[in-house]
Amino acid sequence: MRILVVDDNRLLATILADHLISRGHEAVAAFDGHLAEIFCERDGYDLLVIDMVLPEIDGVDLLERLRRKQHHCRAIFITGFSELREKETQRIEHLDVTAVLEKPFSFSDVDAIVERVAA
C-alpha cells in the first residue's frame, strides 16, 4: 500500500513512515500541507495519515482540498487534542475519514487500522 504521512513534527513523520516501510508498505513523509498536496498530485496514495494541526493549512482543510480535487484515498487523522477532534466531528464524518488516532498512539494502533484499510 502507498501511504503518505503528513506531520509537521519531522521526527514523528519520519519514524512513522519508516515503521510502515518495515511493515511492507511504500511510505513517504511530508512535513506540511502544501508539500502533501504536491505529493498527492504527483504520486497518488492509497492512504493518508494526517496530523490535524499543521502550519498554514490544517489537516482537515488539506483533506477537504484533496477531496475537491478528486483524491478519494482513505485517510486517518492523528491529533494530540481530543477537543479538536470533537469540534471537527461533522467535518471529519463528511470527509469519510477511516479513523482518528489520539496521541500518544502505538505502532500496533496504526498497524491495526492500516490492516483494516488494506483488507
PDB file of N, CA and C in Angstrom:
ATOM      1  N   MET A   1       0.839  -1.172   0.000  1.00  0.00           N
ATOM      2  CA  MET A   1       0.000   0.000   0.000  1.00  0.00           C
ATOM      3  C   MET A   1       0.890   1.242   0.000  1.00  0.00           C
ATOM      4  N   ARG A   2       0.492   2.241  -0.772  1.00  0.00           N
ATOM      5  CA  ARG A   2       1.223   3.517  -0.824  1.00  0.00           C
ATOM      6  C   ARG A   2       0.625   4.470   0.210  1.00  0.00           C
ATOM      7  N   ILE A   3       1.461   4.921   1.155  1.00  0.00           N
ATOM      8  CA  ILE A   3       0.983   5.722   2.284  1.00  0.00           C
ATOM      9  C   ILE A   3       1.781   7.017   2.382  1.00  0.00           C
ATOM     10  N   LEU A   4       1.073   8.122   2.571  1.00  0.00           N
ATOM     11  CA  LEU A   4       1.700   9.416   2.822  1.00  0.00           C
ATOM     12  C   LEU A   4       1.416   9.812   4.259  1.00  0.00           C
ATOM     13  N   VAL A   5       2.481  10.070   5.016  1.00  0.00           N
ATOM     14  CA  VAL A   5       2.379  10.515   6.413  1.00  0.00           C
ATOM     15  C   VAL A   5       2.639  12.017   6.432  1.00  0.00           C
ATOM     16  N   VAL A   6       1.669  12.781   6.938  1.00  0.00           N
ATOM     17  CA  VAL A   6       1.773  14.242   6.941  1.00  0.00           C
ATOM     18  C   VAL A   6       1.761  14.735   8.378  1.00  0.00           C
ATOM     19  N   ASP A   7       2.904  15.246   8.830  1.00  0.00           N
ATOM     20  CA  ASP A   7       3.008  15.780  10.190  1.00  0.00           C
ATOM     21  C   ASP A   7       4.149  16.781  10.210  1.00  0.00           C
ATOM     22  N   ASP A   8       3.934  17.939  10.834  1.00  0.00           N
ATOM     23  CA  ASP A   8       4.998  18.936  10.912  1.00  0.00           C
ATOM     24  C   ASP A   8       6.071  18.548  11.930  1.00  0.00           C
ATOM     25  N   ASN A   9       5.791  17.562  12.756  1.00  0.00           N
ATOM     26  CA  ASN A   9       6.815  17.004  13.632  1.00  0.00           C
ATOM     27  C   ASN A   9       7.625  16.031  12.769  1.00  0.00           C
ATOM     28  N   ARG A  10       8.752  16.506  12.275  1.00  0.00           N
ATOM     29  CA  ARG A  10       9.546  15.730  11.313  1.00  0.00           C
ATOM     30  C   ARG A  10       9.989  14.382  11.870  1.00  0.00           C
ATOM     31  N   LEU A  11      10.318  14.354  13.137  1.00  0.00           N
ATOM     32  CA  LEU A  11      10.759  13.100  13.748  1.00  0.00           C
ATOM     33  C   LEU A  11       9.619  12.085  13.750  1.00  0.00           C
ATOM     34  N   LEU A  12       8.439  12.501  14.198  1.00  0.00           N
ATOM     35  CA  LEU A  12       7.296  11.588  14.224  1.00  0.00           C
ATOM     36  C   LEU A  12       6.937  11.117  12.815  1.00  0.00           C
ATOM     37  N   ALA A  13       6.881  12.032  11.868  1.00  0.00           N
ATOM     38  CA  ALA A  13       6.525  11.661  10.493  1.00  0.00           C
ATOM     39  C   ALA A  13       7.523  10.658   9.918  1.00  0.00           C
ATOM     40  N   THR A  14       8.799  10.888  10.161  1.00  0.00           N
ATOM     41  CA  THR A  14       9.838  10.002   9.629  1.00  0.00           C
ATOM     42  C   THR A  14       9.793   8.635  10.306  1.00  0.00           C
ATOM     43  N   ILE A  15       9.653   8.627  11.621  1.00  0.00           N
ATOM     44  CA  ILE A  15       9.592   7.348  12.348  1.00  0.00           C
ATOM     45  C   ILE A  15       8.367   6.545  11.914  1.00  0.00           C
ATOM     46  N   LEU A  16       7.228   7.212  11.781  1.00  0.00           N
ATOM     47  CA  LEU A  16       6.017   6.505  11.371  1.00  0.00           C
ATOM     48  C   LEU A  16       6.145   5.978   9.944  1.00  0.00           C
ATOM     49  N   ALA A  17       6.688   6.787   9.032  1.00  0.00           N
ATOM     50  CA  ALA A  17       6.902   6.319   7.653  1.00  0.00           C
ATOM     51  C   ALA A  17       7.868   5.137   7.629  1.00  0.00           C
ATOM     52  N   ASP A  18       8.948   5.220   8.401  1.00  0.00           N
ATOM     53  CA  ASP A  18       9.909   4.111   8.468  1.00  0.00           C
ATOM     54  C   ASP A  18       9.257   2.848   9.008  1.00  0.00           C
ATOM     55  N   HIS A  19       8.408   2.998  10.019  1.00  0.00           N
ATOM     56  CA  HIS A  19       7.709   1.835  10.567  1.00  0.00           C
ATOM     57  C   HIS A  19       6.815   1.197   9.493  1.00  0.00           C
ATOM     58  N   LEU A  20       6.083   2.019   8.771  1.00  0.00           N
ATOM     59  CA  LEU A  20       5.199   1.492   7.728  1.00  0.00           C
ATOM     60  C   LEU A  20       5.993   0.807   6.619  1.00  0.00           C
ATOM     61  N   ILE A  21       7.152   1.339   6.305  1.00  0.00           N
ATOM     62  CA  ILE A  21       8.035   0.689   5.323  1.00  0.00           C
ATOM     63  C   ILE A  21       8.465  -0.678   5.841  1.00  0.00           C
ATOM     64  N   SER A  22       8.800  -0.744   7.134  1.00  0.00           N
ATOM     65  CA  SER A  22       9.232  -2.021   7.716  1.00  0.00           C
ATOM     66  C   SER A  22       8.107  -3.056   7.705  1.00  0.00           C
ATOM     67  N   ARG A  23       6.865  -2.594   7.590  1.00  0.00           N
ATOM     68  CA  ARG A  23       5.700  -3.488   7.538  1.00  0.00           C
ATOM     69  C   ARG A  23       5.329  -3.839   6.092  1.00  0.00           C
ATOM     70  N   GLY A  24       6.169  -3.415   5.137  1.00  0.00           N
ATOM     71  CA  GLY A  24       5.967  -3.804   3.747  1.00  0.00           C
ATOM     72  C   GLY A  24       5.233  -2.797   2.876  1.00  0.00           C
ATOM     73  N   HIS A  25       4.995  -1.609   3.398  1.00  0.00           N
ATOM     74  CA  HIS A  25       4.294  -0.579   2.627  1.00  0.00           C
ATOM     75  C   HIS A  25       5.299   0.379   1.995  1.00  0.00           C
ATOM     76  N   GLU A  26       4.855   1.096   0.967  1.00  0.00           N
ATOM     77  CA  GLU A  26       5.616   2.231   0.452  1.00  0.00           C
ATOM     78  C   GLU A  26       5.120   3.431   1.241  1.00  0.00           C
ATOM     79  N   ALA A  27       6.008   4.097   1.936  1.00  0.00           N
ATOM     80  CA  ALA A  27       5.589   5.234   2.757  1.00  0.00           C
ATOM     81  C   ALA A  27       6.540   6.401   2.563  1.00  0.00           C
ATOM     82  N   VAL A  28       5.959   7.596   2.556  1.00  0.00           N
ATOM     83  CA  VAL A  28       6.706   8.836   2.384  1.00  0.00           C
ATOM     84  C   VAL A  28       6.207   9.810   3.438  1.00  0.00           C
ATOM     85  N   ALA A  29       7.113  10.642   3.944  1.00  0.00           N
ATOM     86  CA  ALA A  29       6.738  11.668   4.916  1.00  0.00           C
ATOM     87  C   ALA A  29       6.707  13.036   4.234  1.00  0.00           C
ATOM     88  N   ALA A  30       5.691  13.821   4.581  1.00  0.00           N
ATOM     89  CA  ALA A  30       5.599  15.222   4.171  1.00  0.00           C
ATOM     90  C   ALA A  30       5.427  16.028   5.447  1.00  0.00           C
ATOM     91  N   PHE A  31       6.046  17.197   5.499  1.00  0.00           N
ATOM     92  CA  PHE A  31       6.097  17.947   6.751  1.00  0.00           C
ATOM     93  C   PHE A  31       5.160  19.152   6.807  1.00  0.00           C
ATOM     94  N   ASP A  32       4.371  19.354   5.768  1.00  0.00           N
ATOM     95  CA  ASP A  32       3.340  20.392   5.796  1.00  0.00           C
ATOM     96  C   ASP A  32       2.279  20.075   4.745  1.00  0.00           C
ATOM     97  N   GLY A  33       1.166  20.775   4.841  1.00  0.00           N
ATOM     98  CA  GLY A  33       0.044  20.505   3.959  1.00  0.00           C
ATOM     99  C   GLY A  33       0.318  20.804   2.503  1.00  0.00           C
ATOM    100  N   HIS A  34       1.079  21.863   2.239  1.00  0.00           N
ATOM    101  CA  HIS A  34       1.372  22.214   0.850  1.00  0.00           C
ATOM    102  C   HIS A  34       2.213  21.133   0.173  1.00  0.00           C
ATOM    103  N   LEU A  35       3.211  20.648   0.878  1.00  0.00           N
ATOM    104  CA  LEU A  35       4.046  19.575   0.330  1.00  0.00           C
ATOM    105  C   LEU A  35       3.206  18.311   0.131  1.00  0.00           C
ATOM    106  N   ALA A  36       2.341  18.016   1.077  1.00  0.00           N
ATOM    107  CA  ALA A  36       1.468  16.841   0.954  1.00  0.00           C
ATOM    108  C   ALA A  36       0.583  16.953  -0.282  1.00  0.00           C
ATOM    109  N   GLU A  37       0.061  18.126  -0.524  1.00  0.00           N
ATOM    110  CA  GLU A  37      -0.797  18.339  -1.690  1.00  0.00           C
ATOM    111  C   GLU A  37      -0.013  18.101  -2.988  1.00  0.00           C
ATOM    112  N   ILE A  38       1.209  18.576  -3.028  1.00  0.00           N
ATOM    113  CA  ILE A  38       2.065  18.359  -4.202  1.00  0.00           C
ATOM    114  C   ILE A  38       2.341  16.870  -4.383  1.00  0.00           C
ATOM    115  N   PHE A  39       2.678  16.183  -3.294  1.00  0.00           N
ATOM    116  CA  PHE A  39       2.938  14.739  -3.379  1.00  0.00           C
ATOM    117  C   PHE A  39       1.713  13.992  -3.888  1.00  0.00           C
ATOM    118  N   CYS A  40       0.529  14.355  -3.391  1.00  0.00           N
ATOM    119  CA  CYS A  40      -0.698  13.671  -3.820  1.00  0.00           C
ATOM    120  C   CYS A  40      -0.968  13.908  -5.304  1.00  0.00           C
ATOM    121  N   GLU A  41      -0.756  15.129  -5.758  1.00  0.00           N
ATOM    122  CA  GLU A  41      -0.951  15.437  -7.179  1.00  0.00           C
ATOM    123  C   GLU A  41       0.024  14.656  -8.046  1.00  0.00           C
ATOM    124  N   ARG A  42       1.243  14.554  -7.589  1.00  0.00           N
ATOM    125  CA  ARG A  42       2.296  13.924  -8.378  1.00  0.00           C
ATOM    126  C   ARG A  42       2.259  12.401  -8.314  1.00  0.00           C
ATOM    127  N   ASP A  43       2.036  11.849  -7.116  1.00  0.00           N
ATOM    128  CA  ASP A  43       2.247  10.415  -6.925  1.00  0.00           C
ATOM    129  C   ASP A  43       0.987   9.605  -6.643  1.00  0.00           C
ATOM    130  N   GLY A  44       0.004  10.191  -6.005  1.00  0.00           N
ATOM    131  CA  GLY A  44      -1.182   9.432  -5.617  1.00  0.00           C
ATOM    132  C   GLY A  44      -0.862   8.438  -4.510  1.00  0.00           C
ATOM    133  N   TYR A  45      -1.798   8.255  -3.600  1.00  0.00           N
ATOM    134  CA  TYR A  45      -1.594   7.359  -2.456  1.00  0.00           C
ATOM    135  C   TYR A  45      -2.876   6.595  -2.167  1.00  0.00           C
ATOM    136  N   ASP A  46      -2.711   5.446  -1.528  1.00  0.00           N
ATOM    137  CA  ASP A  46      -3.852   4.640  -1.108  1.00  0.00           C
ATOM    138  C   ASP A  46      -4.377   5.092   0.251  1.00  0.00           C
ATOM    139  N   LEU A  47      -3.467   5.644   1.068  1.00  0.00           N
ATOM    140  CA  LEU A  47      -3.818   6.046   2.423  1.00  0.00           C
ATOM    141  C   LEU A  47      -3.020   7.282   2.817  1.00  0.00           C
ATOM    142  N   LEU A  48      -3.704   8.213   3.472  1.00  0.00           N
ATOM    143  CA  LEU A  48      -3.055   9.398   4.042  1.00  0.00           C
ATOM    144  C   LEU A  48      -3.182   9.312   5.552  1.00  0.00           C
ATOM    145  N   VAL A  49      -2.085   9.569   6.244  1.00  0.00           N
ATOM    146  CA  VAL A  49      -2.081   9.684   7.700  1.00  0.00           C
ATOM    147  C   VAL A  49      -1.726  11.143   7.975  1.00  0.00           C
ATOM    148  N   ILE A  50      -2.697  11.920   8.445  1.00  0.00           N
ATOM    149  CA  ILE A  50      -2.553  13.372   8.507  1.00  0.00           C
ATOM    150  C   ILE A  50      -2.736  13.887   9.925  1.00  0.00           C
ATOM    151  N   ASP A  51      -1.759  14.674  10.383  1.00  0.00           N
ATOM    152  CA  ASP A  51      -1.921  15.375  11.663  1.00  0.00           C
ATOM    153  C   ASP A  51      -2.978  16.455  11.461  1.00  0.00           C
ATOM    154  N   MET A  52      -3.880  16.602  12.403  1.00  0.00           N
ATOM    155  CA  MET A  52      -4.935  17.602  12.280  1.00  0.00           C
ATOM    156  C   MET A  52      -4.410  19.020  12.433  1.00  0.00           C
ATOM    157  N   VAL A  53      -3.298  19.188  13.148  1.00  0.00           N
ATOM    158  CA  VAL A  53      -2.746  20.524  13.366  1.00  0.00           C
ATOM    159  C   VAL A  53      -1.442  20.642  12.572  1.00  0.00           C
ATOM    160  N   LEU A  54      -1.512  21.428  11.511  1.00  0.00           N
ATOM    161  CA  LEU A  54      -0.352  21.677  10.662  1.00  0.00           C
ATOM    162  C   LEU A  54      -0.215  23.184  10.471  1.00  0.00           C
ATOM    163  N   PRO A  55       0.981  23.669  10.178  1.00  0.00           N
ATOM    164  CA  PRO A  55       1.128  25.098   9.919  1.00  0.00           C
ATOM    165  C   PRO A  55       0.483  25.484   8.584  1.00  0.00           C
ATOM    166  N   GLU A  56      -0.024  26.672   8.505  1.00  0.00           N
ATOM    167  CA  GLU A  56      -0.619  27.269   7.307  1.00  0.00           C
ATOM    168  C   GLU A  56      -1.934  26.637   6.878  1.00  0.00           C
ATOM    169  N   ILE A  57      -1.957  25.355   6.607  1.00  0.00           N
ATOM    170  CA  ILE A  57      -3.194  24.667   6.233  1.00  0.00           C
ATOM    171  C   ILE A  57      -3.347  23.471   7.164  1.00  0.00           C
ATOM    172  N   ASP A  58      -4.442  23.442   7.927  1.00  0.00           N
ATOM    173  CA  ASP A  58      -4.586  22.337   8.886  1.00  0.00           C
ATOM    174  C   ASP A  58      -4.988  21.054   8.164  1.00  0.00           C
ATOM    175  N   GLY A  59      -4.921  19.950   8.876  1.00  0.00           N
ATOM    176  CA  GLY A  59      -5.151  18.646   8.278  1.00  0.00           C
ATOM    177  C   GLY A  59      -6.533  18.467   7.687  1.00  0.00           C
ATOM    178  N   VAL A  60      -7.559  18.997   8.360  1.00  0.00           N
ATOM    179  CA  VAL A  60      -8.925  18.858   7.856  1.00  0.00           C
ATOM    180  C   VAL A  60      -9.085  19.680   6.576  1.00  0.00           C
ATOM    181  N   ASP A  61      -8.557  20.901   6.570  1.00  0.00           N
ATOM    182  CA  ASP A  61      -8.610  21.719   5.352  1.00  0.00           C
ATOM    183  C   ASP A  61      -7.849  21.045   4.206  1.00  0.00           C
ATOM    184  N   LEU A  62      -6.709  20.455   4.520  1.00  0.00           N
ATOM    185  CA  LEU A  62      -5.933  19.749   3.497  1.00  0.00           C
ATOM    186  C   LEU A  62      -6.759  18.630   2.876  1.00  0.00           C
ATOM    187  N   LEU A  63      -7.389  17.820   3.705  1.00  0.00           N
ATOM    188  CA  LEU A  63      -8.172  16.709   3.167  1.00  0.00           C
ATOM    189  C   LEU A  63      -9.369  17.223   2.363  1.00  0.00           C
ATOM    190  N   GLU A  64      -9.987  18.311   2.807  1.00  0.00           N
ATOM    191  CA  GLU A  64     -11.079  18.896   2.022  1.00  0.00           C
ATOM    192  C   GLU A  64     -10.588  19.323   0.647  1.00  0.00           C
ATOM    193  N   ARG A  65      -9.437  19.958   0.592  1.00  0.00           N
ATOM    194  CA  ARG A  65      -8.865  20.376  -0.698  1.00  0.00           C
ATOM    195  C   ARG A  65      -8.588  19.181  -1.586  1.00  0.00           C
ATOM    196  N   LEU A  66      -8.030  18.133  -1.010  1.00  0.00           N
ATOM    197  CA  LEU A  66      -7.728  16.933  -1.796  1.00  0.00           C
ATOM    198  C   LEU A  66      -9.008  16.268  -2.296  1.00  0.00           C
ATOM    199  N   ARG A  67     -10.031  16.223  -1.468  1.00  0.00           N
ATOM    200  CA  ARG A  67     -11.308  15.625  -1.882  1.00  0.00           C
ATOM    201  C   ARG A  67     -11.920  16.417  -3.048  1.00  0.00           C
ATOM    202  N   ARG A  68     -11.827  17.748  -2.989  1.00  0.00           N
ATOM    203  CA  ARG A  68     -12.341  18.572  -4.099  1.00  0.00           C
ATOM    204  C   ARG A  68     -11.591  18.286  -5.396  1.00  0.00           C
ATOM    205  N   LYS A  69     -10.337  17.877  -5.274  1.00  0.00           N
ATOM    206  CA  LYS A  69      -9.528  17.546  -6.456  1.00  0.00           C
ATOM    207  C   LYS A  69      -9.665  16.069  -6.837  1.00  0.00           C
ATOM    208  N   GLN A  70     -10.667  15.409  -6.270  1.00  0.00           N
ATOM    209  CA  GLN A  70     -10.983  14.020  -6.599  1.00  0.00           C
ATOM    210  C   GLN A  70      -9.973  13.001  -6.068  1.00  0.00           C
ATOM    211  N   HIS A  71      -9.292  13.318  -4.986  1.00  0.00           N
ATOM    212  CA  HIS A  71      -8.437  12.351  -4.310  1.00  0.00           C
ATOM    213  C   HIS A  71      -9.305  11.633  -3.271  1.00  0.00           C
ATOM    214  N   HIS A  72      -9.686  10.410  -3.577  1.00  0.00           N
ATOM    215  CA  HIS A  72     -10.609   9.689  -2.710  1.00  0.00           C
ATOM    216  C   HIS A  72      -9.931   8.561  -1.941  1.00  0.00           C
ATOM    217  N   CYS A  73      -8.643   8.679  -1.703  1.00  0.00           N
ATOM    218  CA  CYS A  73      -7.947   7.661  -0.937  1.00  0.00           C
ATOM    219  C   CYS A  73      -8.434   7.682   0.516  1.00  0.00           C
ATOM    220  N   ARG A  74      -8.145   6.624   1.223  1.00  0.00           N
ATOM    221  CA  ARG A  74      -8.500   6.534   2.643  1.00  0.00           C
ATOM    222  C   ARG A  74      -7.672   7.534   3.434  1.00  0.00           C
ATOM    223  N   ALA A  75      -8.172   7.930   4.595  1.00  0.00           N
ATOM    224  CA  ALA A  75      -7.452   8.896   5.426  1.00  0.00           C
ATOM    225  C   ALA A  75      -7.621   8.561   6.896  1.00  0.00           C
ATOM    226  N   ILE A  76      -6.534   8.758   7.628  1.00  0.00           N
ATOM    227  CA  ILE A  76      -6.510   8.641   9.078  1.00  0.00           C
ATOM    228  C   ILE A  76      -6.002   9.978   9.605  1.00  0.00           C
ATOM    229  N   PHE A  77      -6.695  10.532  10.585  1.00  0.00           N
ATOM    230  CA  PHE A  77      -6.200  11.735  11.245  1.00  0.00           C
ATOM    231  C   PHE A  77      -5.505  11.331  12.535  1.00  0.00           C
ATOM    232  N   ILE A  78      -4.469  12.094  12.888  1.00  0.00           N
ATOM    233  CA  ILE A  78      -3.848  11.960  14.198  1.00  0.00           C
ATOM    234  C   ILE A  78      -3.913  13.328  14.870  1.00  0.00           C
ATOM    235  N   THR A  79      -4.116  13.305  16.176  1.00  0.00           N
ATOM    236  CA  THR A  79      -4.220  14.571  16.905  1.00  0.00           C
ATOM    237  C   THR A  79      -3.787  14.377  18.350  1.00  0.00           C
ATOM    238  N   GLY A  80      -3.285  15.428  18.911  1.00  0.00           N
ATOM    239  CA  GLY A  80      -2.953  15.442  20.325  1.00  0.00           C
ATOM    240  C   GLY A  80      -4.013  16.161  21.135  1.00  0.00           C
ATOM    241  N   PHE A  81      -5.108  16.561  20.470  1.00  0.00           N
ATOM    242  CA  PHE A  81      -6.128  17.379  21.110  1.00  0.00           C
ATOM    243  C   PHE A  81      -7.507  16.749  20.933  1.00  0.00           C
ATOM    244  N   SER A  82      -8.006  16.087  21.974  1.00  0.00           N
ATOM    245  CA  SER A  82      -9.321  15.443  21.878  1.00  0.00           C
ATOM    246  C   SER A  82     -10.425  16.471  21.642  1.00  0.00           C
ATOM    247  N   GLU A  83     -10.266  17.682  22.188  1.00  0.00           N
ATOM    248  CA  GLU A  83     -11.286  18.711  21.984  1.00  0.00           C
ATOM    249  C   GLU A  83     -11.353  19.143  20.513  1.00  0.00           C
ATOM    250  N   LEU A  84     -10.235  19.118  19.816  1.00  0.00           N
ATOM    251  CA  LEU A  84     -10.226  19.431  18.387  1.00  0.00           C
ATOM    252  C   LEU A  84     -10.976  18.352  17.612  1.00  0.00           C
ATOM    253  N   ARG A  85     -10.740  17.121  17.984  1.00  0.00           N
ATOM    254  CA  ARG A  85     -11.457  16.006  17.353  1.00  0.00           C
ATOM    255  C   ARG A  85     -12.960  16.184  17.522  1.00  0.00           C
ATOM    256  N   GLU A  86     -13.385  16.517  18.722  1.00  0.00           N
ATOM    257  CA  GLU A  86     -14.814  16.709  18.988  1.00  0.00           C
ATOM    258  C   GLU A  86     -15.370  17.890  18.201  1.00  0.00           C
ATOM    259  N   LYS A  87     -14.613  18.977  18.145  1.00  0.00           N
ATOM    260  CA  LYS A  87     -15.045  20.178  17.422  1.00  0.00           C
ATOM    261  C   LYS A  87     -15.212  19.898  15.930  1.00  0.00           C
ATOM    262  N   GLU A  88     -14.357  19.061  15.380  1.00  0.00           N
ATOM    263  CA  GLU A  88     -14.350  18.803  13.938  1.00  0.00           C
ATOM    264  C   GLU A  88     -15.112  17.529  13.539  1.00  0.00           C
ATOM    265  N   THR A  89     -15.875  16.953  14.439  1.00  0.00           N
ATOM    266  CA  THR A  89     -16.546  15.675  14.189  1.00  0.00           C
ATOM    267  C   THR A  89     -17.354  15.676  12.897  1.00  0.00           C
ATOM    268  N   GLN A  90     -18.178  16.683  12.682  1.00  0.00           N
ATOM    269  CA  GLN A  90     -19.016  16.710  11.482  1.00  0.00           C
ATOM    270  C   GLN A  90     -18.181  16.792  10.213  1.00  0.00           C
ATOM    271  N   ARG A  91     -17.177  17.625  10.200  1.00  0.00           N
ATOM    272  CA  ARG A  91     -16.320  17.735   9.009  1.00  0.00           C
ATOM    273  C   ARG A  91     -15.588  16.426   8.757  1.00  0.00           C
ATOM    274  N   ILE A  92     -15.126  15.777   9.817  1.00  0.00           N
ATOM    275  CA  ILE A  92     -14.412  14.509   9.684  1.00  0.00           C
ATOM    276  C   ILE A  92     -15.334  13.447   9.098  1.00  0.00           C
ATOM    277  N   GLU A  93     -16.551  13.375   9.594  1.00  0.00           N
ATOM    278  CA  GLU A  93     -17.504  12.396   9.073  1.00  0.00           C
ATOM    279  C   GLU A  93     -17.815  12.663   7.609  1.00  0.00           C
ATOM    280  N   HIS A  94     -17.994  13.923   7.254  1.00  0.00           N
ATOM    281  CA  HIS A  94     -18.288  14.307   5.875  1.00  0.00           C
ATOM    282  C   HIS A  94     -17.146  13.916   4.927  1.00  0.00           C
ATOM    283  N   LEU A  95     -15.924  13.928   5.438  1.00  0.00           N
ATOM    284  CA  LEU A  95     -14.748  13.598   4.615  1.00  0.00           C
ATOM    285  C   LEU A  95     -14.479  12.101   4.545  1.00  0.00           C
ATOM    286  N   ASP A  96     -15.319  11.301   5.197  1.00  0.00           N
ATOM    287  CA  ASP A  96     -15.182   9.842   5.176  1.00  0.00           C
ATOM    288  C   ASP A  96     -13.806   9.396   5.671  1.00  0.00           C
ATOM    289  N   VAL A  97     -13.434   9.905   6.849  1.00  0.00           N
ATOM    290  CA  VAL A  97     -12.154   9.555   7.468  1.00  0.00           C
ATOM    291  C   VAL A  97     -12.279   8.171   8.100  1.00  0.00           C
ATOM    292  N   THR A  98     -11.294   7.337   7.857  1.00  0.00           N
ATOM    293  CA  THR A  98     -11.311   5.960   8.339  1.00  0.00           C
ATOM    294  C   THR A  98     -11.204   5.880   9.854  1.00  0.00           C
ATOM    295  N   ALA A  99     -10.318   6.702  10.438  1.00  0.00           N
ATOM    296  CA  ALA A  99     -10.102   6.666  11.887  1.00  0.00           C
ATOM    297  C   ALA A  99      -9.421   7.952  12.334  1.00  0.00           C
ATOM    298  N   VAL A 100      -9.534   8.223  13.627  1.00  0.00           N
ATOM    299  CA  VAL A 100      -8.796   9.319  14.257  1.00  0.00           C
ATOM    300  C   VAL A 100      -8.025   8.719  15.419  1.00  0.00           C
ATOM    301  N   LEU A 101      -6.713   8.848  15.372  1.00  0.00           N
ATOM    302  CA  LEU A 101      -5.850   8.364  16.447  1.00  0.00           C
ATOM    303  C   LEU A 101      -5.433   9.533  17.321  1.00  0.00           C
ATOM    304  N   GLU A 102      -5.553   9.356  18.619  1.00  0.00           N
ATOM    305  CA  GLU A 102      -5.101  10.403  19.526  1.00  0.00           C
ATOM    306  C   GLU A 102      -3.706  10.079  20.024  1.00  0.00           C
ATOM    307  N   LYS A 103      -2.853  11.108  20.033  1.00  0.00           N
ATOM    308  CA  LYS A 103      -1.500  10.966  20.544  1.00  0.00           C
ATOM    309  C   LYS A 103      -1.566  10.887  22.062  1.00  0.00           C
ATOM    310  N   PRO A 104      -0.772  10.120  22.707  1.00  0.00           N
ATOM    311  CA  PRO A 104       0.195   9.192  22.102  1.00  0.00           C
ATOM    312  C   PRO A 104      -0.515   7.919  21.633  1.00  0.00           C
ATOM    313  N   PHE A 105      -0.080   7.403  20.513  1.00  0.00           N
ATOM    314  CA  PHE A 105      -0.615   6.153  19.990  1.00  0.00           C
ATOM    315  C   PHE A 105       0.541   5.180  19.809  1.00  0.00           C
ATOM    316  N   SER A 106       0.202   3.923  19.649  1.00  0.00           N
ATOM    317  CA  SER A 106       1.255   2.916  19.485  1.00  0.00           C
ATOM    318  C   SER A 106       1.306   2.466  18.024  1.00  0.00           C
ATOM    319  N   PHE A 107       2.421   1.863  17.657  1.00  0.00           N
ATOM    320  CA  PHE A 107       2.529   1.304  16.319  1.00  0.00           C
ATOM    321  C   PHE A 107       1.459   0.246  16.090  1.00  0.00           C
ATOM    322  N   SER A 108       1.112  -0.507  17.137  1.00  0.00           N
ATOM    323  CA  SER A 108       0.088  -1.536  16.973  1.00  0.00           C
ATOM    324  C   SER A 108      -1.273  -0.910  16.651  1.00  0.00           C
ATOM    325  N   ASP A 109      -1.551   0.286  17.189  1.00  0.00           N
ATOM    326  CA  ASP A 109      -2.788   1.001  16.833  1.00  0.00           C
ATOM    327  C   ASP A 109      -2.795   1.332  15.344  1.00  0.00           C
ATOM    328  N   VAL A 110      -1.684   1.858  14.872  1.00  0.00           N
ATOM    329  CA  VAL A 110      -1.557   2.207  13.454  1.00  0.00           C
ATOM    330  C   VAL A 110      -1.661   0.952  12.598  1.00  0.00           C
ATOM    331  N   ASP A 111      -0.944  -0.093  12.980  1.00  0.00           N
ATOM    332  CA  ASP A 111      -0.948  -1.343  12.202  1.00  0.00           C
ATOM    333  C   ASP A 111      -2.355  -1.915  12.068  1.00  0.00           C
ATOM    334  N   ALA A 112      -3.126  -1.893  13.145  1.00  0.00           N
ATOM    335  CA  ALA A 112      -4.487  -2.445  13.107  1.00  0.00           C
ATOM    336  C   ALA A 112      -5.357  -1.685  12.118  1.00  0.00           C
ATOM    337  N   ILE A 113      -5.246  -0.363  12.107  1.00  0.00           N
ATOM    338  CA  ILE A 113      -6.043   0.434  11.179  1.00  0.00           C
ATOM    339  C   ILE A 113      -5.580   0.228   9.742  1.00  0.00           C
ATOM    340  N   VAL A 114      -4.271   0.213   9.526  1.00  0.00           N
ATOM    341  CA  VAL A 114      -3.746   0.010   8.178  1.00  0.00           C
ATOM    342  C   VAL A 114      -4.151  -1.352   7.651  1.00  0.00           C
ATOM    343  N   GLU A 115      -4.095  -2.372   8.478  1.00  0.00           N
ATOM    344  CA  GLU A 115      -4.516  -3.717   8.052  1.00  0.00           C
ATOM    345  C   GLU A 115      -5.987  -3.736   7.688  1.00  0.00           C
ATOM    346  N   ARG A 116      -6.793  -3.022   8.457  1.00  0.00           N
ATOM    347  CA  ARG A 116      -8.231  -2.946   8.160  1.00  0.00           C
ATOM    348  C   ARG A 116      -8.471  -2.245   6.827  1.00  0.00           C
ATOM    349  N   VAL A 117      -7.729  -1.177   6.572  1.00  0.00           N
ATOM    350  CA  VAL A 117      -7.858  -0.437   5.321  1.00  0.00           C
ATOM    351  C   VAL A 117      -7.417  -1.294   4.134  1.00  0.00           C
ATOM    352  N   ALA A 118      -6.360  -2.053   4.323  1.00  0.00           N
ATOM    353  CA  ALA A 118      -5.790  -2.872   3.240  1.00  0.00           C
ATOM    354  C   ALA A 118      -6.679  -4.055   2.866  1.00  0.00           C
ATOM    355  N   ALA A 119      -7.525  -4.476   3.801  1.00  0.00           N
ATOM    356  CA  ALA A 119      -8.357  -5.668   3.559  1.00  0.00           C
ATOM    357  C   ALA A 119      -9.461  -5.424   2.546  1.00  0.00           C
TER     358      ALA A 119
END
